N, C-alpha and C. Protein backbone atom coordinates (compact mmCIF):
# COMPACT_ATOMS: atom_id res chain seq x y z
N UNK A 1 6.51 26.30 -9.38
CA UNK A 1 6.82 25.08 -10.31
C UNK A 1 7.35 24.14 -9.43
N UNK A 2 8.27 24.41 -8.57
CA UNK A 2 9.19 23.23 -8.19
C UNK A 2 7.96 22.47 -6.70
N UNK A 3 7.02 23.03 -6.16
CA UNK A 3 6.11 22.13 -5.40
C UNK A 3 5.31 21.75 -6.11
N UNK A 4 4.94 21.98 -7.25
CA UNK A 4 4.30 21.10 -8.24
C UNK A 4 5.00 19.84 -8.53
N UNK A 5 6.18 19.99 -8.83
CA UNK A 5 6.98 18.85 -9.30
C UNK A 5 7.10 17.60 -7.98
N UNK A 6 7.14 18.34 -6.73
CA UNK A 6 7.68 17.51 -5.53
C UNK A 6 6.11 16.95 -5.21
N UNK A 7 5.29 17.51 -5.40
CA UNK A 7 3.98 16.89 -5.15
C UNK A 7 3.59 15.57 -6.04
N UNK A 8 3.75 15.98 -7.60
CA UNK A 8 3.63 14.73 -8.44
C UNK A 8 4.66 13.59 -8.09
N UNK A 9 5.99 14.03 -7.80
CA UNK A 9 6.58 12.66 -7.16
C UNK A 9 6.11 11.98 -6.30
N UNK A 10 5.87 12.73 -5.15
CA UNK A 10 5.02 12.28 -3.85
C UNK A 10 4.03 11.15 -4.21
N UNK A 11 2.97 11.75 -5.09
CA UNK A 11 1.88 10.89 -5.53
C UNK A 11 2.35 9.83 -6.29
N UNK A 12 3.18 9.79 -7.01
CA UNK A 12 3.52 8.51 -7.96
C UNK A 12 4.22 7.72 -7.54
N UNK A 13 5.05 7.85 -6.18
CA UNK A 13 5.59 6.89 -5.51
C UNK A 13 4.37 6.37 -4.66
N UNK A 14 3.61 7.17 -4.02
CA UNK A 14 2.71 6.35 -3.05
C UNK A 14 1.99 5.46 -3.91
N UNK A 15 1.72 5.95 -5.19
CA UNK A 15 0.78 4.97 -6.15
C UNK A 15 1.59 3.70 -6.40
N UNK A 16 3.13 3.57 -6.66
CA UNK A 16 3.61 2.62 -6.67
C UNK A 16 3.70 1.57 -5.69
N UNK A 17 3.68 2.38 -4.41
CA UNK A 17 3.94 1.35 -3.31
C UNK A 17 2.52 0.55 -3.18
N UNK A 18 1.63 1.13 -3.38
CA UNK A 18 0.33 0.63 -3.24
C UNK A 18 0.31 -0.58 -4.31
N UNK A 19 0.38 -0.40 -5.64
CA UNK A 19 0.70 -1.31 -6.55
C UNK A 19 1.45 -2.77 -6.19
N UNK A 20 2.62 -2.10 -5.67
CA UNK A 20 3.65 -3.25 -5.01
C UNK A 20 2.80 -3.89 -4.11
N UNK A 21 2.59 -3.43 -3.03
CA UNK A 21 1.95 -3.93 -1.84
C UNK A 21 0.59 -5.37 -2.51
N UNK A 22 -0.27 -4.55 -3.04
CA UNK A 22 -1.16 -5.52 -3.54
C UNK A 22 -0.64 -6.71 -4.65
N UNK A 23 0.35 -6.42 -5.44
CA UNK A 23 1.09 -7.29 -6.29
C UNK A 23 1.60 -8.34 -5.28
N UNK A 24 2.39 -7.90 -4.26
CA UNK A 24 2.82 -9.09 -3.56
C UNK A 24 1.76 -9.90 -2.54
N UNK A 25 0.78 -9.20 -2.28
CA UNK A 25 -0.33 -9.98 -1.42
C UNK A 25 -1.01 -11.03 -2.54
N UNK A 26 -1.71 -10.27 -3.69
CA UNK A 26 -2.01 -11.23 -4.69
C UNK A 26 -1.08 -12.50 -4.99
N UNK A 27 0.14 -12.11 -5.11
CA UNK A 27 1.00 -13.27 -5.38
C UNK A 27 1.29 -14.34 -4.25
N UNK A 28 0.91 -14.01 -3.25
CA UNK A 28 0.96 -14.66 -2.05
C UNK A 28 -0.31 -15.83 -1.95
N UNK A 29 -1.28 -14.98 -2.21
CA UNK A 29 -2.67 -15.94 -2.36
C UNK A 29 -2.43 -16.98 -3.42
N UNK A 30 -2.11 -16.65 -4.65
CA UNK A 30 -1.82 -17.65 -5.60
C UNK A 30 -0.85 -18.58 -5.26
N UNK A 31 0.24 -18.15 -4.37
CA UNK A 31 0.89 -19.47 -4.08
C UNK A 31 0.57 -20.27 -3.06
N UNK A 32 -0.38 -19.80 -2.03
CA UNK A 32 -0.96 -20.56 -1.13
C UNK A 32 -2.18 -21.40 -1.94
N UNK A 33 -2.69 -20.83 -2.83
CA UNK A 33 -3.67 -21.92 -3.41
C UNK A 33 -3.16 -22.98 -4.52
N UNK A 34 -1.94 -22.63 -4.76
CA UNK A 34 -1.01 -23.88 -5.41
C UNK A 34 -0.40 -24.81 -4.32
N UNK A 35 -0.62 -24.61 -3.28
CA UNK A 35 0.05 -25.06 -2.04
C UNK A 35 1.62 -24.86 -2.00
N UNK A 36 2.07 -23.80 -2.22
CA UNK A 36 3.46 -23.52 -2.48
C UNK A 36 3.57 -22.37 -1.18
N UNK A 37 3.50 -22.88 -0.03
CA UNK A 37 3.65 -21.96 1.32
C UNK A 37 4.93 -21.37 1.36
N UNK A 38 6.02 -21.81 0.82
CA UNK A 38 7.49 -21.23 0.96
C UNK A 38 7.36 -19.98 0.57
N UNK A 39 6.76 -20.23 -0.95
CA UNK A 39 6.74 -18.98 -2.08
C UNK A 39 5.69 -17.75 -1.26
N UNK A 40 4.72 -18.23 -0.79
CA UNK A 40 3.59 -17.48 -0.28
C UNK A 40 4.14 -16.65 0.66
N UNK A 41 5.02 -17.33 2.05
CA UNK A 41 5.59 -16.57 3.07
C UNK A 41 6.79 -15.57 2.54
N UNK A 42 7.38 -15.73 1.49
CA UNK A 42 8.24 -14.73 0.84
C UNK A 42 7.30 -13.91 0.65
N UNK A 43 6.34 -13.74 -0.26
CA UNK A 43 5.75 -12.73 -0.96
C UNK A 43 5.07 -12.08 0.28
N UNK A 44 4.27 -12.61 1.15
CA UNK A 44 4.01 -12.00 2.43
C UNK A 44 4.85 -11.21 3.07
N UNK A 45 6.49 -11.76 3.20
CA UNK A 45 7.14 -10.76 4.05
C UNK A 45 7.39 -9.43 3.13
N UNK A 46 7.41 -9.78 1.69
CA UNK A 46 7.56 -8.44 0.85
C UNK A 46 6.43 -7.54 1.01
N UNK A 47 5.10 -8.09 0.96
CA UNK A 47 4.09 -7.35 1.29
C UNK A 47 4.17 -6.57 2.58
N UNK A 48 4.41 -6.98 3.88
CA UNK A 48 4.62 -6.64 5.31
C UNK A 48 5.55 -5.27 5.01
N UNK A 49 6.69 -5.52 4.53
CA UNK A 49 7.62 -4.18 4.24
C UNK A 49 6.92 -3.35 3.43
N UNK A 50 6.03 -3.37 2.39
CA UNK A 50 5.24 -2.37 1.89
C UNK A 50 4.04 -1.59 2.63
N UNK A 51 3.90 -2.39 3.72
CA UNK A 51 2.48 -2.12 4.28
C UNK A 51 2.45 -0.87 5.27
N UNK A 52 3.67 -0.47 5.34
CA UNK A 52 3.81 0.61 6.29
C UNK A 52 2.47 1.69 6.07
N UNK A 53 2.33 2.04 4.86
CA UNK A 53 1.23 3.14 4.26
C UNK A 53 0.09 2.63 4.58
N UNK A 54 -0.28 1.39 4.73
CA UNK A 54 -1.54 0.80 4.98
C UNK A 54 -1.64 -0.10 5.75
N UNK A 55 -1.47 0.27 7.25
CA UNK A 55 -1.73 -0.47 8.23
C UNK A 55 -3.25 -1.40 8.48
N UNK A 56 -3.96 -1.05 7.59
CA UNK A 56 -5.01 -2.15 7.73
C UNK A 56 -5.03 -3.46 7.07
N UNK A 57 -3.77 -3.65 6.25
CA UNK A 57 -3.73 -4.76 5.34
C UNK A 57 -2.86 -5.97 6.45
N UNK A 58 -2.50 -5.28 7.25
CA UNK A 58 -1.14 -6.21 8.52
C UNK A 58 -2.17 -7.55 9.03
N UNK A 59 -3.49 -7.32 9.52
CA UNK A 59 -4.11 -8.35 10.01
C UNK A 59 -4.23 -9.41 8.88
N UNK A 60 -4.88 -8.98 7.67
CA UNK A 60 -4.85 -10.14 6.52
C UNK A 60 -3.53 -10.57 6.07
N UNK A 61 -2.30 -10.06 6.17
CA UNK A 61 -1.16 -10.61 6.03
C UNK A 61 -0.96 -11.91 7.09
N UNK A 62 -1.04 -11.22 8.42
CA UNK A 62 -0.92 -12.39 9.67
C UNK A 62 -1.79 -13.72 9.44
N UNK A 63 -2.99 -13.30 8.92
CA UNK A 63 -3.89 -14.33 8.85
C UNK A 63 -3.48 -15.55 7.83
N UNK A 64 -2.86 -14.96 6.43
CA UNK A 64 -2.50 -15.94 5.45
C UNK A 64 -1.24 -16.61 5.73
N UNK A 65 -0.26 -15.95 6.67
CA UNK A 65 0.65 -16.15 7.41
C UNK A 65 0.55 -17.46 8.51
N UNK A 66 -0.26 -17.51 9.15
CA UNK A 66 -0.96 -18.40 10.04
C UNK A 66 -1.43 -19.70 9.29
N UNK A 67 -2.30 -19.09 7.94
CA UNK A 67 -2.96 -20.56 7.36
C UNK A 67 -1.44 -21.38 6.66
N UNK A 68 -0.49 -20.56 6.48
CA UNK A 68 0.47 -21.54 5.69
C UNK A 68 1.27 -22.28 6.91
N UNK A 69 1.21 -21.53 7.96
CA UNK A 69 2.40 -22.26 9.12
C UNK A 69 1.06 -23.47 9.25
N UNK A 70 0.00 -23.51 9.32
CA UNK A 70 -0.95 -24.77 9.46
C UNK A 70 -0.61 -25.66 8.40
N UNK A 71 -0.36 -25.15 7.33
CA UNK A 71 -0.43 -26.27 6.23
C UNK A 71 1.17 -26.89 6.26
N UNK A 72 1.95 -26.09 6.88
CA UNK A 72 3.34 -26.77 7.21
C UNK A 72 3.46 -27.57 8.33
N UNK A 73 2.32 -27.71 9.14
CA UNK A 73 1.86 -28.46 10.37
C UNK A 73 2.77 -27.66 11.52
N UNK A 74 3.05 -26.59 11.31
CA UNK A 74 3.67 -25.90 12.67
C UNK A 74 2.39 -25.21 13.32
N UNK A 75 1.55 -26.01 14.00
CA UNK A 75 0.32 -25.68 14.65
C UNK A 75 0.55 -24.55 15.55
N UNK A 76 1.75 -24.80 16.52
CA UNK A 76 1.53 -23.89 17.73
C UNK A 76 2.24 -22.45 17.20
N UNK A 77 2.98 -22.50 16.11
CA UNK A 77 3.41 -21.15 15.44
C UNK A 77 2.00 -20.61 15.08
N UNK A 78 1.16 -21.61 14.25
CA UNK A 78 0.01 -20.57 13.75
C UNK A 78 -1.02 -20.44 14.70
N UNK A 79 -1.01 -21.13 15.80
CA UNK A 79 -1.85 -20.64 17.10
C UNK A 79 -1.34 -19.18 17.57
N UNK A 80 0.07 -19.06 17.77
CA UNK A 80 0.37 -17.92 18.10
C UNK A 80 0.40 -16.79 17.24
N UNK A 81 0.30 -16.98 15.91
CA UNK A 81 -0.08 -15.93 15.22
C UNK A 81 -1.51 -15.57 15.11
N UNK A 82 -2.47 -16.62 15.26
CA UNK A 82 -3.77 -16.34 15.55
C UNK A 82 -4.00 -15.41 16.72
N UNK A 83 -3.29 -15.66 17.90
CA UNK A 83 -3.41 -15.03 19.02
C UNK A 83 -2.93 -13.83 18.77
N UNK A 84 -1.90 -13.56 18.03
CA UNK A 84 -1.54 -12.24 17.75
C UNK A 84 -2.39 -11.26 16.91
N UNK A 85 -3.11 -11.98 16.46
CA UNK A 85 -4.21 -10.99 15.59
C UNK A 85 -5.37 -10.64 16.29
N UNK A 86 -5.56 -11.61 17.34
CA UNK A 86 -6.71 -11.52 18.13
C UNK A 86 -6.48 -10.15 19.00
N UNK A 87 -5.31 -10.12 19.74
CA UNK A 87 -4.93 -9.39 20.65
C UNK A 87 -4.34 -7.90 19.96
N UNK A 88 -4.12 -7.98 18.79
CA UNK A 88 -3.71 -6.68 18.15
C UNK A 88 -4.91 -6.27 17.45
N UNK A 89 -5.89 -6.70 16.64
CA UNK A 89 -6.90 -6.17 15.90
C UNK A 89 -8.20 -7.10 16.54
N UNK A 90 -8.31 -6.81 17.72
CA UNK A 90 -9.49 -7.45 18.27
C UNK A 90 -11.03 -7.35 17.72
N UNK A 91 -11.47 -6.05 16.87
CA UNK A 91 -12.45 -5.78 16.55
C UNK A 91 -12.58 -6.31 15.06
N UNK A 92 -11.68 -6.86 14.38
CA UNK A 92 -11.47 -6.82 12.91
C UNK A 92 -11.81 -8.12 12.59
N UNK A 93 -12.53 -8.16 11.30
CA UNK A 93 -12.88 -9.53 10.73
C UNK A 93 -11.93 -10.59 10.72
N UNK A 94 -10.73 -10.00 10.80
CA UNK A 94 -9.63 -11.14 10.84
C UNK A 94 -9.25 -11.77 12.35
N UNK A 95 -9.70 -10.87 13.42
CA UNK A 95 -9.54 -11.49 14.57
C UNK A 95 -10.78 -12.42 14.55
N UNK A 96 -11.85 -12.21 14.36
CA UNK A 96 -13.12 -13.37 14.05
C UNK A 96 -12.54 -14.67 13.61
N UNK A 97 -12.15 -14.58 12.26
CA UNK A 97 -11.10 -15.53 11.76
C UNK A 97 -10.42 -16.38 12.31
N UNK A 98 -9.42 -15.62 13.12
CA UNK A 98 -8.43 -16.41 13.80
C UNK A 98 -8.89 -17.18 15.03
N UNK A 99 -9.97 -16.38 15.68
CA UNK A 99 -10.61 -17.24 16.59
C UNK A 99 -11.49 -18.57 15.95
N UNK A 100 -11.67 -18.79 14.78
CA UNK A 100 -12.23 -19.86 14.32
C UNK A 100 -11.27 -20.87 14.06
N UNK A 101 -9.98 -20.35 13.51
CA UNK A 101 -8.83 -21.22 13.19
C UNK A 101 -8.51 -21.88 14.51
N UNK A 102 -8.08 -20.86 15.55
CA UNK A 102 -7.87 -21.44 16.85
C UNK A 102 -8.99 -22.64 17.21
N UNK A 103 -10.16 -22.46 17.11
CA UNK A 103 -11.10 -23.38 17.53
C UNK A 103 -10.92 -24.72 16.85
N UNK A 104 -10.81 -24.52 15.43
CA UNK A 104 -10.56 -25.83 14.74
C UNK A 104 -9.33 -26.41 14.99
N UNK A 105 -8.17 -25.82 15.30
CA UNK A 105 -6.91 -26.43 15.43
C UNK A 105 -7.03 -27.08 16.97
N UNK A 106 -7.83 -26.70 17.87
CA UNK A 106 -8.27 -27.47 19.32
C UNK A 106 -8.87 -28.70 18.96
N UNK A 107 -9.88 -28.41 18.20
CA UNK A 107 -10.87 -29.39 18.05
C UNK A 107 -10.15 -30.64 17.28
N UNK A 108 -9.49 -30.32 16.45
CA UNK A 108 -8.67 -31.35 15.89
C UNK A 108 -7.51 -32.00 16.61
N UNK A 109 -7.21 -31.46 17.97
CA UNK A 109 -6.47 -32.06 18.54
C UNK A 109 -4.83 -31.59 18.67
N UNK A 110 -5.01 -30.28 17.47
CA UNK A 110 -3.34 -29.72 17.71
C UNK A 110 -2.94 -28.67 18.44
N UNK A 111 -4.11 -28.45 19.23
CA UNK A 111 -3.31 -27.30 20.29
C UNK A 111 -4.25 -27.89 21.47
N UNK A 112 -3.63 -27.88 22.65
CA UNK A 112 -4.22 -27.88 23.93
C UNK A 112 -4.66 -27.22 24.51
N UNK A 113 -6.05 -27.15 24.58
CA UNK A 113 -6.76 -25.82 25.32
C UNK A 113 -6.34 -24.51 24.70
N UNK A 114 -5.46 -23.69 25.33
CA UNK A 114 -5.09 -22.52 24.62
C UNK A 114 -3.78 -22.65 24.06
N UNK A 115 -3.67 -22.02 22.88
CA UNK A 115 -2.26 -21.89 22.18
C UNK A 115 -1.16 -21.05 22.71
N UNK A 116 -1.70 -20.07 23.89
CA UNK A 116 -0.61 -19.63 24.32
C UNK A 116 0.21 -20.16 25.43
N UNK A 117 1.47 -19.86 25.27
CA UNK A 117 2.32 -20.65 26.30
C UNK A 117 1.89 -20.14 27.80
N UNK A 118 2.16 -21.12 28.67
CA UNK A 118 1.97 -20.62 30.19
C UNK A 118 3.13 -20.79 30.77
N UNK A 119 3.85 -19.81 31.48
CA UNK A 119 5.20 -19.73 32.37
C UNK A 119 5.00 -20.20 33.52
N UNK A 120 5.75 -21.31 33.81
CA UNK A 120 5.90 -22.03 35.05
C UNK A 120 7.16 -21.84 35.84
N UNK A 121 7.13 -21.80 36.99
CA UNK A 121 8.49 -21.79 37.47
C UNK A 121 9.36 -23.20 37.62
N UNK A 122 10.62 -23.17 37.31
CA UNK A 122 11.52 -24.56 37.33
C UNK A 122 11.22 -24.99 38.69
N UNK A 123 11.27 -26.24 38.57
CA UNK A 123 11.21 -26.83 40.06
C UNK A 123 12.60 -26.77 40.88
N UNK A 124 12.47 -26.63 41.94
CA UNK A 124 14.03 -26.73 42.91
C UNK A 124 14.48 -27.82 43.24
């Protein structure tokens, strides 16, 4: 009987975590659509904390974070977020979208060439 109770508690907890993650992600999209990037970023942070059980959601969270950074005119930060997605999830749909966003930022003149920082030695 005890193993059955433990199993039910584990299953119930997992379901609550998934519902909570989906709820925070949906709230982030709603806030983004309303133009409220501050609330969207807060909801994305909450969703990211819940995403440990579902790592496939992380590139989606990062992409929406990058789009919010663009709306806030933080183009370099957005570019670095897109670079992160491309490096970490190269074969995903989100990497494809991140490349497209980087191309758009470059065409609009918000990024110079590559968004990645280039380390150069200081002059002596």
